[in-house]
Amino acid sequence: MVHLPLFDLPISEADYVREICGYIKECSCIPDDEKRIIIPAMCLNILRYIDDEYEQEKLLEAVNMLKYCENGLDRKIRLAREDEAKKVTENFACKLLKTDHDVTAVHELTGLPISRIKELKASL
């Protein structure tokens, strides 16, 4: 995996990384001691060849990276904090909507997408 750039592949490195991640996810026959070597290497390849951060996170989850990395806990904490911040912002948006603020004003005050504000307003 470290030598991907040296090979003349029929597909892009990113597509190759995606395929290997799919194989790791689907194949339950890889022994755990080998996964401890393969998965960190895949992490490096995911971060190197996959540009989209959302796709990176999905691929890291697919190969169960959190199980093998210490910083997985840091990532879980960060995601939990982001979820909590989103809930707080949405609660604030609901309070604004209840006090008859219009959707545009709530968008400007919270930064939430207008489509999400409309969903919140419909659920009140």
N, C-alpha and C. Protein backbone atom coordinates (compact mmCIF):
# COMPACT_ATOMS: atom_id res chain seq x y z
N MET A 1 0.81 -1.19 0.00
CA MET A 1 0.00 0.00 0.00
C MET A 1 0.85 1.26 0.00
N VAL A 2 2.01 1.19 0.61
CA VAL A 2 2.88 2.35 0.67
C VAL A 2 3.41 2.69 -0.72
N HIS A 3 3.49 1.69 -1.58
CA HIS A 3 4.10 1.88 -2.89
C HIS A 3 3.08 2.12 -4.01
N LEU A 4 1.87 2.53 -3.68
CA LEU A 4 0.85 2.77 -4.70
C LEU A 4 1.34 3.66 -5.84
N PRO A 5 2.02 4.76 -5.57
CA PRO A 5 2.42 5.64 -6.68
C PRO A 5 3.41 4.98 -7.65
N LEU A 6 4.07 3.91 -7.24
CA LEU A 6 5.06 3.26 -8.10
C LEU A 6 4.43 2.33 -9.13
N PHE A 7 3.18 1.94 -8.91
CA PHE A 7 2.53 1.00 -9.80
C PHE A 7 1.77 1.73 -10.90
N ASP A 8 1.72 1.10 -12.07
CA ASP A 8 0.92 1.63 -13.17
C ASP A 8 -0.44 0.95 -13.07
N LEU A 9 -1.35 1.59 -12.33
CA LEU A 9 -2.65 0.99 -12.03
C LEU A 9 -3.67 1.33 -13.12
N PRO A 10 -4.58 0.40 -13.38
CA PRO A 10 -5.62 0.69 -14.37
C PRO A 10 -6.69 1.64 -13.85
N ILE A 11 -6.69 1.88 -12.54
CA ILE A 11 -7.63 2.82 -11.92
C ILE A 11 -6.83 3.81 -11.07
N SER A 12 -7.47 4.85 -10.62
CA SER A 12 -6.76 5.85 -9.82
C SER A 12 -6.42 5.29 -8.44
N GLU A 13 -5.45 5.91 -7.80
CA GLU A 13 -5.07 5.49 -6.45
C GLU A 13 -6.27 5.60 -5.50
N ALA A 14 -7.05 6.67 -5.66
CA ALA A 14 -8.22 6.86 -4.79
C ALA A 14 -9.22 5.72 -4.97
N ASP A 15 -9.46 5.31 -6.22
CA ASP A 15 -10.38 4.20 -6.45
C ASP A 15 -9.82 2.89 -5.89
N TYR A 16 -8.53 2.72 -5.99
CA TYR A 16 -7.88 1.53 -5.44
C TYR A 16 -8.05 1.50 -3.92
N VAL A 17 -7.85 2.64 -3.28
CA VAL A 17 -8.02 2.74 -1.82
C VAL A 17 -9.46 2.41 -1.45
N ARG A 18 -10.42 2.94 -2.22
CA ARG A 18 -11.84 2.65 -1.95
C ARG A 18 -12.12 1.15 -2.04
N GLU A 19 -11.56 0.51 -3.07
CA GLU A 19 -11.78 -0.93 -3.25
C GLU A 19 -11.19 -1.74 -2.09
N ILE A 20 -9.98 -1.39 -1.68
CA ILE A 20 -9.33 -2.11 -0.57
C ILE A 20 -10.13 -1.91 0.72
N CYS A 21 -10.61 -0.69 0.96
CA CYS A 21 -11.43 -0.44 2.15
C CYS A 21 -12.69 -1.30 2.13
N GLY A 22 -13.31 -1.40 0.96
CA GLY A 22 -14.50 -2.25 0.83
C GLY A 22 -14.17 -3.70 1.11
N TYR A 23 -13.02 -4.16 0.65
CA TYR A 23 -12.60 -5.54 0.89
C TYR A 23 -12.37 -5.77 2.38
N ILE A 24 -11.69 -4.83 3.03
CA ILE A 24 -11.42 -4.98 4.47
C ILE A 24 -12.73 -5.01 5.24
N LYS A 25 -13.67 -4.16 4.85
CA LYS A 25 -14.96 -4.12 5.54
C LYS A 25 -15.74 -5.42 5.36
N GLU A 26 -15.75 -5.95 4.15
CA GLU A 26 -16.55 -7.13 3.84
C GLU A 26 -15.89 -8.44 4.27
N CYS A 27 -14.57 -8.47 4.29
CA CYS A 27 -13.86 -9.72 4.54
C CYS A 27 -13.62 -9.90 6.04
N SER A 28 -14.23 -10.92 6.58
CA SER A 28 -14.04 -11.18 8.01
C SER A 28 -12.94 -12.20 8.26
N CYS A 29 -12.24 -12.60 7.21
CA CYS A 29 -11.22 -13.63 7.37
C CYS A 29 -9.83 -13.08 7.65
N ILE A 30 -9.68 -11.76 7.73
CA ILE A 30 -8.38 -11.17 8.03
C ILE A 30 -8.16 -11.27 9.54
N PRO A 31 -7.09 -11.96 9.97
CA PRO A 31 -6.83 -12.09 11.41
C PRO A 31 -6.58 -10.72 12.05
N ASP A 32 -6.96 -10.59 13.32
CA ASP A 32 -6.82 -9.31 14.02
C ASP A 32 -5.39 -8.80 14.06
N ASP A 33 -4.41 -9.71 14.23
CA ASP A 33 -3.02 -9.25 14.29
C ASP A 33 -2.57 -8.68 12.94
N GLU A 34 -3.12 -9.18 11.84
CA GLU A 34 -2.80 -8.61 10.52
C GLU A 34 -3.54 -7.29 10.31
N LYS A 35 -4.76 -7.21 10.85
CA LYS A 35 -5.51 -5.95 10.73
C LYS A 35 -4.76 -4.82 11.42
N ARG A 36 -4.06 -5.13 12.49
CA ARG A 36 -3.31 -4.09 13.21
C ARG A 36 -2.20 -3.49 12.35
N ILE A 37 -1.80 -4.20 11.32
CA ILE A 37 -0.80 -3.69 10.38
C ILE A 37 -1.47 -3.06 9.17
N ILE A 38 -2.49 -3.73 8.64
CA ILE A 38 -3.14 -3.28 7.41
C ILE A 38 -3.93 -1.99 7.62
N ILE A 39 -4.68 -1.92 8.69
CA ILE A 39 -5.58 -0.78 8.88
C ILE A 39 -4.85 0.54 9.08
N PRO A 40 -3.78 0.61 9.88
CA PRO A 40 -3.05 1.89 9.94
C PRO A 40 -2.46 2.30 8.59
N ALA A 41 -2.01 1.33 7.80
CA ALA A 41 -1.52 1.64 6.46
C ALA A 41 -2.65 2.19 5.60
N MET A 42 -3.83 1.61 5.74
CA MET A 42 -4.97 2.10 4.99
C MET A 42 -5.34 3.51 5.42
N CYS A 43 -5.21 3.79 6.71
CA CYS A 43 -5.49 5.14 7.21
C CYS A 43 -4.60 6.15 6.49
N LEU A 44 -3.33 5.84 6.39
CA LEU A 44 -2.40 6.75 5.70
C LEU A 44 -2.80 6.94 4.24
N ASN A 45 -3.19 5.84 3.59
CA ASN A 45 -3.59 5.93 2.18
C ASN A 45 -4.89 6.71 2.01
N ILE A 46 -5.83 6.51 2.93
CA ILE A 46 -7.09 7.25 2.87
C ILE A 46 -6.79 8.75 2.96
N LEU A 47 -5.97 9.13 3.93
CA LEU A 47 -5.67 10.54 4.12
C LEU A 47 -4.87 11.12 2.96
N ARG A 48 -4.08 10.29 2.31
CA ARG A 48 -3.25 10.78 1.20
C ARG A 48 -4.02 10.88 -0.12
N TYR A 49 -4.84 9.87 -0.43
CA TYR A 49 -5.44 9.79 -1.76
C TYR A 49 -6.90 10.22 -1.85
N ILE A 50 -7.57 10.35 -0.72
CA ILE A 50 -8.98 10.76 -0.72
C ILE A 50 -9.03 12.21 -0.26
N ASP A 51 -9.49 13.10 -1.12
CA ASP A 51 -9.48 14.53 -0.82
C ASP A 51 -10.66 14.98 0.04
N ASP A 52 -11.81 14.39 -0.16
CA ASP A 52 -13.02 14.81 0.54
C ASP A 52 -13.01 14.31 1.97
N GLU A 53 -13.09 15.25 2.94
CA GLU A 53 -13.01 14.88 4.36
C GLU A 53 -14.16 13.98 4.79
N TYR A 54 -15.35 14.21 4.25
CA TYR A 54 -16.50 13.38 4.59
C TYR A 54 -16.26 11.94 4.13
N GLU A 55 -15.76 11.79 2.91
CA GLU A 55 -15.46 10.44 2.40
C GLU A 55 -14.34 9.79 3.21
N GLN A 56 -13.35 10.58 3.61
CA GLN A 56 -12.28 10.05 4.46
C GLN A 56 -12.87 9.44 5.73
N GLU A 57 -13.75 10.20 6.39
CA GLU A 57 -14.34 9.71 7.64
C GLU A 57 -15.15 8.44 7.41
N LYS A 58 -15.91 8.39 6.32
CA LYS A 58 -16.70 7.20 6.03
C LYS A 58 -15.81 5.99 5.76
N LEU A 59 -14.71 6.18 5.05
CA LEU A 59 -13.80 5.07 4.78
C LEU A 59 -13.09 4.62 6.05
N LEU A 60 -12.71 5.57 6.90
CA LEU A 60 -12.09 5.21 8.17
C LEU A 60 -13.05 4.41 9.04
N GLU A 61 -14.32 4.79 9.01
CA GLU A 61 -15.33 4.03 9.75
C GLU A 61 -15.52 2.65 9.13
N ALA A 62 -15.48 2.58 7.79
CA ALA A 62 -15.69 1.30 7.10
C ALA A 62 -14.64 0.27 7.47
N VAL A 63 -13.40 0.71 7.66
CA VAL A 63 -12.34 -0.25 8.02
C VAL A 63 -12.17 -0.34 9.53
N ASN A 64 -13.10 0.27 10.27
CA ASN A 64 -13.11 0.20 11.73
C ASN A 64 -11.82 0.76 12.32
N MET A 65 -11.39 1.88 11.78
CA MET A 65 -10.15 2.50 12.21
C MET A 65 -10.17 2.89 13.68
N LEU A 66 -11.35 3.27 14.18
CA LEU A 66 -11.43 3.72 15.57
C LEU A 66 -10.99 2.63 16.54
N LYS A 67 -11.18 1.38 16.15
CA LYS A 67 -10.82 0.26 17.02
C LYS A 67 -9.30 0.13 17.16
N TYR A 68 -8.56 0.56 16.15
CA TYR A 68 -7.12 0.33 16.13
C TYR A 68 -6.28 1.57 16.38
N CYS A 69 -6.91 2.73 16.54
CA CYS A 69 -6.14 3.97 16.70
C CYS A 69 -6.48 4.66 18.01
N GLU A 70 -5.47 5.18 18.64
CA GLU A 70 -5.68 5.96 19.85
C GLU A 70 -6.46 7.23 19.56
N ASN A 71 -6.14 7.88 18.45
CA ASN A 71 -6.80 9.15 18.16
C ASN A 71 -8.25 8.97 17.75
N GLY A 72 -8.71 7.73 17.65
CA GLY A 72 -10.12 7.48 17.38
C GLY A 72 -10.99 8.04 18.49
N LEU A 73 -10.51 7.97 19.72
CA LEU A 73 -11.24 8.53 20.85
C LEU A 73 -11.35 10.04 20.70
N ASP A 74 -10.25 10.68 20.29
CA ASP A 74 -10.28 12.12 20.06
C ASP A 74 -11.32 12.48 19.01
N ARG A 75 -11.38 11.67 17.94
CA ARG A 75 -12.34 11.91 16.87
C ARG A 75 -13.77 11.74 17.38
N LYS A 76 -14.01 10.71 18.18
CA LYS A 76 -15.35 10.50 18.74
C LYS A 76 -15.75 11.68 19.61
N ILE A 77 -14.83 12.18 20.41
CA ILE A 77 -15.12 13.33 21.27
C ILE A 77 -15.43 14.56 20.41
N ARG A 78 -14.65 14.77 19.36
CA ARG A 78 -14.88 15.93 18.48
C ARG A 78 -16.25 15.83 17.82
N LEU A 79 -16.61 14.65 17.32
CA LEU A 79 -17.90 14.48 16.67
C LEU A 79 -19.04 14.67 17.67
N ALA A 80 -18.85 14.19 18.90
CA ALA A 80 -19.88 14.38 19.93
C ALA A 80 -20.06 15.86 20.24
N ARG A 81 -18.96 16.60 20.30
CA ARG A 81 -19.04 18.04 20.57
C ARG A 81 -19.73 18.77 19.41
N GLU A 82 -19.42 18.35 18.18
CA GLU A 82 -20.07 18.97 17.03
C GLU A 82 -21.57 18.70 17.04
N ASP A 83 -21.95 17.46 17.40
CA ASP A 83 -23.38 17.13 17.50
C ASP A 83 -24.06 17.96 18.57
N GLU A 84 -23.40 18.12 19.71
CA GLU A 84 -23.97 18.91 20.80
C GLU A 84 -24.12 20.37 20.39
N ALA A 85 -23.11 20.92 19.71
CA ALA A 85 -23.18 22.30 19.24
C ALA A 85 -24.33 22.47 18.25
N LYS A 86 -24.52 21.48 17.40
CA LYS A 86 -25.61 21.53 16.42
C LYS A 86 -26.97 21.53 17.13
N LYS A 87 -27.10 20.70 18.17
CA LYS A 87 -28.36 20.63 18.93
C LYS A 87 -28.64 21.96 19.62
N VAL A 88 -27.60 22.56 20.20
CA VAL A 88 -27.77 23.85 20.87
C VAL A 88 -28.20 24.91 19.87
N THR A 89 -27.58 24.93 18.71
CA THR A 89 -27.92 25.90 17.67
C THR A 89 -29.35 25.70 17.19
N GLU A 90 -29.73 24.43 16.99
CA GLU A 90 -31.10 24.16 16.54
C GLU A 90 -32.13 24.52 17.62
N ASN A 91 -31.80 24.30 18.88
CA ASN A 91 -32.70 24.71 19.96
C ASN A 91 -32.87 26.22 19.98
N PHE A 92 -31.77 26.94 19.78
CA PHE A 92 -31.82 28.39 19.72
C PHE A 92 -32.69 28.84 18.54
N ALA A 93 -32.52 28.17 17.40
CA ALA A 93 -33.32 28.50 16.22
C ALA A 93 -34.81 28.27 16.50
N CYS A 94 -35.14 27.19 17.20
CA CYS A 94 -36.54 26.91 17.55
C CYS A 94 -37.11 28.01 18.44
N LYS A 95 -36.32 28.46 19.40
CA LYS A 95 -36.77 29.54 20.27
C LYS A 95 -37.03 30.82 19.48
N LEU A 96 -36.14 31.10 18.52
CA LEU A 96 -36.34 32.28 17.68
C LEU A 96 -37.60 32.15 16.83
N LEU A 97 -37.81 30.94 16.29
CA LEU A 97 -39.00 30.73 15.46
C LEU A 97 -40.28 30.85 16.29
N LYS A 98 -40.23 30.40 17.53
CA LYS A 98 -41.40 30.50 18.41
C LYS A 98 -41.74 31.95 18.75
N THR A 99 -40.73 32.82 18.69
CA THR A 99 -40.97 34.25 18.96
C THR A 99 -41.20 35.03 17.68
N ASP A 100 -41.66 34.31 16.66
CA ASP A 100 -42.08 34.89 15.37
C ASP A 100 -40.97 35.55 14.56
N HIS A 101 -39.74 35.10 14.73
CA HIS A 101 -38.68 35.54 13.82
C HIS A 101 -38.88 34.82 12.48
N ASP A 102 -38.60 35.52 11.39
CA ASP A 102 -38.75 34.85 10.10
C ASP A 102 -37.53 33.98 9.80
N VAL A 103 -37.67 33.12 8.80
CA VAL A 103 -36.65 32.13 8.47
C VAL A 103 -35.32 32.80 8.12
N THR A 104 -35.37 33.90 7.38
CA THR A 104 -34.15 34.60 6.99
C THR A 104 -33.41 35.15 8.20
N ALA A 105 -34.15 35.72 9.13
CA ALA A 105 -33.51 36.26 10.33
C ALA A 105 -32.87 35.15 11.16
N VAL A 106 -33.56 34.02 11.28
CA VAL A 106 -33.00 32.89 12.03
C VAL A 106 -31.75 32.37 11.34
N HIS A 107 -31.78 32.34 10.02
CA HIS A 107 -30.59 31.91 9.26
C HIS A 107 -29.40 32.83 9.53
N GLU A 108 -29.65 34.12 9.53
CA GLU A 108 -28.58 35.09 9.77
C GLU A 108 -28.03 34.99 11.19
N LEU A 109 -28.90 34.70 12.15
CA LEU A 109 -28.46 34.63 13.55
C LEU A 109 -27.77 33.31 13.91
N THR A 110 -28.17 32.24 13.25
CA THR A 110 -27.64 30.92 13.63
C THR A 110 -26.66 30.33 12.63
N GLY A 111 -26.77 30.73 11.37
CA GLY A 111 -25.92 30.14 10.34
C GLY A 111 -26.43 28.80 9.84
N LEU A 112 -27.58 28.36 10.35
CA LEU A 112 -28.17 27.11 9.88
C LEU A 112 -28.68 27.26 8.44
N PRO A 113 -28.66 26.18 7.67
CA PRO A 113 -29.22 26.25 6.32
C PRO A 113 -30.72 26.56 6.37
N ILE A 114 -31.19 27.31 5.41
CA ILE A 114 -32.60 27.70 5.38
C ILE A 114 -33.49 26.46 5.32
N SER A 115 -33.07 25.44 4.57
CA SER A 115 -33.88 24.22 4.48
C SER A 115 -34.05 23.58 5.85
N ARG A 116 -32.99 23.58 6.68
CA ARG A 116 -33.10 23.01 8.02
C ARG A 116 -34.00 23.86 8.91
N ILE A 117 -33.92 25.17 8.76
CA ILE A 117 -34.77 26.06 9.56
C ILE A 117 -36.23 25.82 9.21
N LYS A 118 -36.51 25.63 7.93
CA LYS A 118 -37.88 25.34 7.50
C LYS A 118 -38.37 24.03 8.09
N GLU A 119 -37.49 23.03 8.15
CA GLU A 119 -37.85 21.75 8.77
C GLU A 119 -38.17 21.94 10.25
N LEU A 120 -37.33 22.72 10.93
CA LEU A 120 -37.57 22.99 12.35
C LEU A 120 -38.89 23.72 12.56
N LYS A 121 -39.16 24.67 11.69
CA LYS A 121 -40.39 25.45 11.81
C LYS A 121 -41.62 24.56 11.58
N ALA A 122 -41.51 23.63 10.64
CA ALA A 122 -42.63 22.73 10.36
C ALA A 122 -42.88 21.78 11.53
N SER A 123 -41.83 21.46 12.29
CA SER A 123 -41.99 20.52 13.39
C SER A 123 -42.48 21.17 14.69
N LEU A 124 -42.57 22.51 14.68
CA LEU A 124 -43.04 23.20 15.91
C LEU A 124 -44.54 23.07 16.08
